[in-house]
Amino acid sequence: MQKIQVAYKDIVLAEGGPNEEYLASLRNQLKDLEAQGQEVMLVPDVPAQNCKDVDAALEVTAAYRHCARRVKDCACVKGFEIPAVFAAMERGGELADNFKSELLEKHPHYVFE
């Protein structure tokens, strides 16, 4: 299974909204991999500076939930890794569980690592 890094800085614009241009490009890349029969795990790349507290972690989750919606028709996507930055945070387990439940709501087939 191929892993593709998806940087938080790429999916969120400086003013806080989603970067739809990047997400469209990611979708095109995934569709190409799908045509080749590849399977993909998306790997969030979130610097600690973007995840200083629970509220910031929830914003990160919302951004990756939006990302998942934009690539929902890409059958090659098998799931996401849990953002590694959550592990170092107080309540990291809860944040990881929330990340999974938010994405599973619309994508029940996803697996998480």
N, C-alpha and C. Protein backbone atom coordinates (compact mmCIF):
# COMPACT_ATOMS: atom_id res chain seq x y z
N MET A 1 0.84 -1.18 0.00
CA MET A 1 0.00 0.00 0.00
C MET A 1 0.89 1.24 0.00
N GLN A 2 0.57 2.16 -0.87
CA GLN A 2 1.34 3.39 -0.97
C GLN A 2 0.83 4.40 0.07
N LYS A 3 1.77 5.12 0.67
CA LYS A 3 1.40 6.17 1.62
C LYS A 3 1.68 7.52 0.99
N ILE A 4 0.72 8.41 1.11
CA ILE A 4 0.86 9.76 0.56
C ILE A 4 0.70 10.77 1.69
N GLN A 5 1.74 11.58 1.88
CA GLN A 5 1.69 12.65 2.88
C GLN A 5 0.73 13.73 2.41
N VAL A 6 -0.11 14.18 3.31
CA VAL A 6 -1.03 15.29 3.03
C VAL A 6 -0.77 16.34 4.11
N ALA A 7 -0.03 17.36 3.73
CA ALA A 7 0.38 18.39 4.69
C ALA A 7 -0.78 19.31 5.04
N TYR A 8 -0.91 19.58 6.33
CA TYR A 8 -1.95 20.49 6.81
C TYR A 8 -1.82 21.85 6.13
N LYS A 9 -0.59 22.31 5.95
CA LYS A 9 -0.36 23.63 5.32
C LYS A 9 -0.84 23.66 3.88
N ASP A 10 -0.98 22.49 3.26
CA ASP A 10 -1.45 22.44 1.87
C ASP A 10 -2.97 22.39 1.76
N ILE A 11 -3.63 21.84 2.77
CA ILE A 11 -5.09 21.70 2.66
C ILE A 11 -5.85 22.87 3.26
N VAL A 12 -5.13 23.73 4.01
CA VAL A 12 -5.77 24.89 4.64
C VAL A 12 -5.07 26.16 4.18
N LEU A 13 -5.84 27.12 3.71
CA LEU A 13 -5.28 28.40 3.30
C LEU A 13 -4.90 29.23 4.53
N ALA A 14 -4.03 30.20 4.34
CA ALA A 14 -3.57 31.05 5.44
C ALA A 14 -4.73 31.69 6.20
N GLU A 15 -5.78 32.04 5.48
CA GLU A 15 -6.94 32.67 6.15
C GLU A 15 -7.88 31.65 6.78
N GLY A 16 -7.53 30.37 6.72
CA GLY A 16 -8.27 29.35 7.44
C GLY A 16 -9.23 28.50 6.64
N GLY A 17 -9.59 28.90 5.44
CA GLY A 17 -10.51 28.10 4.63
C GLY A 17 -9.78 26.96 3.93
N PRO A 18 -10.53 26.03 3.36
CA PRO A 18 -9.90 24.92 2.64
C PRO A 18 -9.25 25.37 1.34
N ASN A 19 -8.17 24.73 1.00
CA ASN A 19 -7.46 25.00 -0.26
C ASN A 19 -8.02 24.06 -1.32
N GLU A 20 -9.10 24.50 -1.95
CA GLU A 20 -9.81 23.64 -2.90
C GLU A 20 -8.95 23.31 -4.12
N GLU A 21 -8.07 24.21 -4.51
CA GLU A 21 -7.19 23.95 -5.65
C GLU A 21 -6.27 22.77 -5.35
N TYR A 22 -5.67 22.77 -4.16
CA TYR A 22 -4.80 21.66 -3.78
C TYR A 22 -5.62 20.37 -3.68
N LEU A 23 -6.79 20.44 -3.06
CA LEU A 23 -7.61 19.24 -2.90
C LEU A 23 -8.03 18.66 -4.24
N ALA A 24 -8.30 19.50 -5.23
CA ALA A 24 -8.62 19.02 -6.58
C ALA A 24 -7.41 18.33 -7.20
N SER A 25 -6.23 18.89 -6.97
CA SER A 25 -5.00 18.29 -7.48
C SER A 25 -4.75 16.93 -6.83
N LEU A 26 -4.97 16.85 -5.52
CA LEU A 26 -4.81 15.59 -4.80
C LEU A 26 -5.79 14.55 -5.35
N ARG A 27 -7.02 14.94 -5.59
CA ARG A 27 -8.01 14.03 -6.15
C ARG A 27 -7.55 13.50 -7.50
N ASN A 28 -7.02 14.38 -8.35
CA ASN A 28 -6.52 13.94 -9.66
C ASN A 28 -5.38 12.95 -9.51
N GLN A 29 -4.47 13.21 -8.58
CA GLN A 29 -3.35 12.29 -8.32
C GLN A 29 -3.89 10.93 -7.88
N LEU A 30 -4.87 10.94 -7.00
CA LEU A 30 -5.43 9.69 -6.50
C LEU A 30 -6.18 8.94 -7.60
N LYS A 31 -6.87 9.65 -8.46
CA LYS A 31 -7.56 9.00 -9.58
C LYS A 31 -6.56 8.32 -10.52
N ASP A 32 -5.40 8.95 -10.73
CA ASP A 32 -4.35 8.33 -11.54
C ASP A 32 -3.86 7.04 -10.90
N LEU A 33 -3.65 7.07 -9.58
CA LEU A 33 -3.20 5.88 -8.86
C LEU A 33 -4.27 4.79 -8.89
N GLU A 34 -5.51 5.20 -8.78
CA GLU A 34 -6.63 4.25 -8.85
C GLU A 34 -6.64 3.54 -10.20
N ALA A 35 -6.40 4.28 -11.27
CA ALA A 35 -6.37 3.70 -12.62
C ALA A 35 -5.24 2.68 -12.77
N GLN A 36 -4.20 2.84 -11.96
CA GLN A 36 -3.07 1.91 -11.98
C GLN A 36 -3.27 0.73 -11.02
N GLY A 37 -4.39 0.71 -10.33
CA GLY A 37 -4.68 -0.38 -9.40
C GLY A 37 -3.99 -0.24 -8.05
N GLN A 38 -3.52 0.94 -7.72
CA GLN A 38 -2.83 1.17 -6.45
C GLN A 38 -3.83 1.32 -5.31
N GLU A 39 -3.36 1.02 -4.10
CA GLU A 39 -4.11 1.31 -2.88
C GLU A 39 -3.31 2.35 -2.11
N VAL A 40 -4.02 3.27 -1.45
CA VAL A 40 -3.37 4.41 -0.82
C VAL A 40 -3.86 4.60 0.61
N MET A 41 -2.92 4.92 1.48
CA MET A 41 -3.21 5.37 2.83
C MET A 41 -2.76 6.83 2.89
N LEU A 42 -3.65 7.73 3.28
CA LEU A 42 -3.29 9.14 3.39
C LEU A 42 -2.71 9.41 4.78
N VAL A 43 -1.61 10.15 4.79
CA VAL A 43 -0.86 10.40 6.03
C VAL A 43 -0.86 11.89 6.34
N PRO A 44 -1.65 12.32 7.33
CA PRO A 44 -1.64 13.73 7.70
C PRO A 44 -0.26 14.15 8.22
N ASP A 45 0.19 15.29 7.75
CA ASP A 45 1.46 15.88 8.20
C ASP A 45 1.11 17.19 8.88
N VAL A 46 1.08 17.15 10.21
CA VAL A 46 0.64 18.31 10.99
C VAL A 46 1.75 18.72 11.95
N PRO A 47 2.37 19.87 11.74
CA PRO A 47 3.39 20.35 12.67
C PRO A 47 2.78 20.63 14.04
N ALA A 48 3.56 20.42 15.09
CA ALA A 48 3.09 20.66 16.45
C ALA A 48 2.58 22.09 16.62
N GLN A 49 3.17 23.04 15.92
CA GLN A 49 2.75 24.44 16.06
C GLN A 49 1.32 24.66 15.60
N ASN A 50 0.80 23.77 14.77
CA ASN A 50 -0.59 23.88 14.31
C ASN A 50 -1.56 23.11 15.20
N CYS A 51 -1.03 22.52 16.25
CA CYS A 51 -1.86 21.65 17.09
C CYS A 51 -1.46 21.84 18.55
N LYS A 52 -1.61 23.05 19.05
CA LYS A 52 -1.13 23.38 20.40
C LYS A 52 -2.13 23.03 21.49
N ASP A 53 -3.41 22.89 21.15
CA ASP A 53 -4.41 22.59 22.16
C ASP A 53 -5.56 21.80 21.52
N VAL A 54 -6.52 21.45 22.35
CA VAL A 54 -7.64 20.63 21.87
C VAL A 54 -8.41 21.34 20.76
N ASP A 55 -8.66 22.63 20.92
CA ASP A 55 -9.40 23.35 19.88
C ASP A 55 -8.67 23.30 18.54
N ALA A 56 -7.36 23.47 18.57
CA ALA A 56 -6.57 23.40 17.33
C ALA A 56 -6.63 21.99 16.75
N ALA A 57 -6.59 20.97 17.61
CA ALA A 57 -6.68 19.58 17.14
C ALA A 57 -8.02 19.32 16.48
N LEU A 58 -9.08 19.91 17.01
CA LEU A 58 -10.40 19.75 16.40
C LEU A 58 -10.46 20.44 15.05
N GLU A 59 -9.77 21.57 14.90
CA GLU A 59 -9.68 22.24 13.59
C GLU A 59 -8.92 21.37 12.59
N VAL A 60 -7.87 20.72 13.06
CA VAL A 60 -7.11 19.80 12.21
C VAL A 60 -8.02 18.67 11.73
N THR A 61 -8.77 18.10 12.66
CA THR A 61 -9.69 17.02 12.30
C THR A 61 -10.71 17.50 11.27
N ALA A 62 -11.25 18.69 11.46
CA ALA A 62 -12.23 19.23 10.51
C ALA A 62 -11.61 19.40 9.12
N ALA A 63 -10.36 19.84 9.08
CA ALA A 63 -9.69 20.03 7.78
C ALA A 63 -9.51 18.69 7.06
N TYR A 64 -9.12 17.64 7.79
CA TYR A 64 -8.93 16.34 7.14
C TYR A 64 -10.28 15.67 6.83
N ARG A 65 -11.31 15.98 7.60
CA ARG A 65 -12.65 15.50 7.24
C ARG A 65 -13.08 16.12 5.90
N HIS A 66 -12.79 17.39 5.72
CA HIS A 66 -13.10 18.06 4.45
C HIS A 66 -12.27 17.44 3.32
N CYS A 67 -11.01 17.16 3.59
CA CYS A 67 -10.15 16.51 2.61
C CYS A 67 -10.77 15.17 2.19
N ALA A 68 -11.21 14.39 3.17
CA ALA A 68 -11.82 13.09 2.87
C ALA A 68 -13.05 13.25 1.99
N ARG A 69 -13.84 14.28 2.24
CA ARG A 69 -15.02 14.52 1.40
C ARG A 69 -14.62 14.82 -0.04
N ARG A 70 -13.53 15.53 -0.22
CA ARG A 70 -13.10 15.91 -1.57
C ARG A 70 -12.53 14.74 -2.36
N VAL A 71 -12.11 13.68 -1.67
CA VAL A 71 -11.56 12.52 -2.38
C VAL A 71 -12.44 11.28 -2.20
N LYS A 72 -13.70 11.50 -1.81
CA LYS A 72 -14.59 10.38 -1.48
C LYS A 72 -14.82 9.41 -2.62
N ASP A 73 -14.69 9.89 -3.86
CA ASP A 73 -14.92 8.99 -4.99
C ASP A 73 -13.66 8.28 -5.46
N CYS A 74 -12.59 8.40 -4.72
CA CYS A 74 -11.32 7.74 -5.06
C CYS A 74 -11.27 6.40 -4.33
N ALA A 75 -11.62 5.34 -5.03
CA ALA A 75 -11.69 4.01 -4.42
C ALA A 75 -10.34 3.51 -3.95
N CYS A 76 -9.26 4.10 -4.44
CA CYS A 76 -7.93 3.66 -4.04
C CYS A 76 -7.60 4.05 -2.60
N VAL A 77 -8.31 5.03 -2.05
CA VAL A 77 -8.04 5.49 -0.68
C VAL A 77 -8.65 4.49 0.29
N LYS A 78 -7.79 3.85 1.05
CA LYS A 78 -8.24 2.85 2.02
C LYS A 78 -8.44 3.44 3.40
N GLY A 79 -7.81 4.60 3.65
CA GLY A 79 -7.98 5.23 4.95
C GLY A 79 -6.92 6.28 5.21
N PHE A 80 -6.81 6.64 6.47
CA PHE A 80 -5.89 7.67 6.94
C PHE A 80 -5.08 7.15 8.11
N GLU A 81 -3.89 7.67 8.25
CA GLU A 81 -3.18 7.50 9.51
C GLU A 81 -3.72 8.56 10.46
N ILE A 82 -3.69 8.25 11.74
CA ILE A 82 -4.05 9.24 12.76
C ILE A 82 -2.91 10.27 12.80
N PRO A 83 -3.22 11.56 12.85
CA PRO A 83 -2.14 12.55 12.92
C PRO A 83 -1.19 12.24 14.08
N ALA A 84 0.08 12.08 13.78
CA ALA A 84 1.07 11.70 14.79
C ALA A 84 1.15 12.71 15.92
N VAL A 85 0.89 13.96 15.63
CA VAL A 85 0.98 15.01 16.64
C VAL A 85 -0.01 14.77 17.78
N PHE A 86 -1.10 14.08 17.53
CA PHE A 86 -2.08 13.81 18.58
C PHE A 86 -1.48 12.97 19.70
N ALA A 87 -0.58 12.06 19.38
CA ALA A 87 -0.01 11.14 20.37
C ALA A 87 0.71 11.88 21.49
N ALA A 88 1.30 13.02 21.18
CA ALA A 88 2.07 13.78 22.17
C ALA A 88 1.20 14.73 22.99
N MET A 89 -0.07 14.79 22.68
CA MET A 89 -0.95 15.76 23.33
C MET A 89 -1.70 15.15 24.51
N GLU A 90 -1.99 16.00 25.49
CA GLU A 90 -2.89 15.60 26.55
C GLU A 90 -4.23 15.28 25.88
N ARG A 91 -4.86 14.21 26.29
CA ARG A 91 -6.12 13.75 25.68
C ARG A 91 -5.91 13.25 24.25
N GLY A 92 -4.68 12.85 23.93
CA GLY A 92 -4.37 12.38 22.59
C GLY A 92 -5.23 11.21 22.14
N GLY A 93 -5.52 10.29 23.06
CA GLY A 93 -6.37 9.15 22.72
C GLY A 93 -7.77 9.58 22.33
N GLU A 94 -8.32 10.54 23.06
CA GLU A 94 -9.64 11.07 22.73
C GLU A 94 -9.63 11.76 21.37
N LEU A 95 -8.56 12.52 21.12
CA LEU A 95 -8.45 13.22 19.84
C LEU A 95 -8.35 12.24 18.68
N ALA A 96 -7.60 11.15 18.88
CA ALA A 96 -7.48 10.12 17.84
C ALA A 96 -8.84 9.46 17.60
N ASP A 97 -9.55 9.15 18.68
CA ASP A 97 -10.88 8.54 18.54
C ASP A 97 -11.84 9.48 17.82
N ASN A 98 -11.76 10.77 18.15
CA ASN A 98 -12.62 11.76 17.49
C ASN A 98 -12.29 11.85 16.00
N PHE A 99 -10.99 11.83 15.66
CA PHE A 99 -10.57 11.88 14.26
C PHE A 99 -11.20 10.72 13.50
N LYS A 100 -11.09 9.52 14.07
CA LYS A 100 -11.66 8.34 13.41
C LYS A 100 -13.17 8.46 13.26
N SER A 101 -13.85 8.83 14.32
CA SER A 101 -15.32 8.88 14.25
C SER A 101 -15.80 9.95 13.27
N GLU A 102 -15.11 11.08 13.20
CA GLU A 102 -15.50 12.14 12.26
C GLU A 102 -15.36 11.67 10.81
N LEU A 103 -14.28 10.96 10.50
CA LEU A 103 -14.08 10.50 9.12
C LEU A 103 -14.96 9.29 8.80
N LEU A 104 -15.18 8.42 9.79
CA LEU A 104 -16.00 7.24 9.56
C LEU A 104 -17.47 7.58 9.31
N GLU A 105 -17.89 8.74 9.79
CA GLU A 105 -19.29 9.14 9.62
C GLU A 105 -19.72 9.09 8.16
N LYS A 106 -18.88 9.55 7.26
CA LYS A 106 -19.21 9.55 5.82
C LYS A 106 -18.41 8.51 5.03
N HIS A 107 -17.43 7.89 5.69
CA HIS A 107 -16.54 6.95 5.00
C HIS A 107 -16.36 5.70 5.87
N PRO A 108 -17.41 4.91 6.05
CA PRO A 108 -17.35 3.78 6.97
C PRO A 108 -16.37 2.68 6.56
N HIS A 109 -15.89 2.72 5.34
CA HIS A 109 -14.96 1.71 4.86
C HIS A 109 -13.50 2.03 5.20
N TYR A 110 -13.23 3.24 5.68
CA TYR A 110 -11.84 3.64 5.95
C TYR A 110 -11.25 2.82 7.09
N VAL A 111 -9.96 2.56 6.96
CA VAL A 111 -9.17 1.97 8.04
C VAL A 111 -8.21 3.05 8.53
N PHE A 112 -7.73 2.88 9.76
CA PHE A 112 -6.84 3.86 10.37
C PHE A 112 -5.63 3.17 10.96
N GLU A 113 -4.51 3.85 10.84
CA GLU A 113 -3.26 3.33 11.42
C GLU A 113 -2.74 4.32 12.42
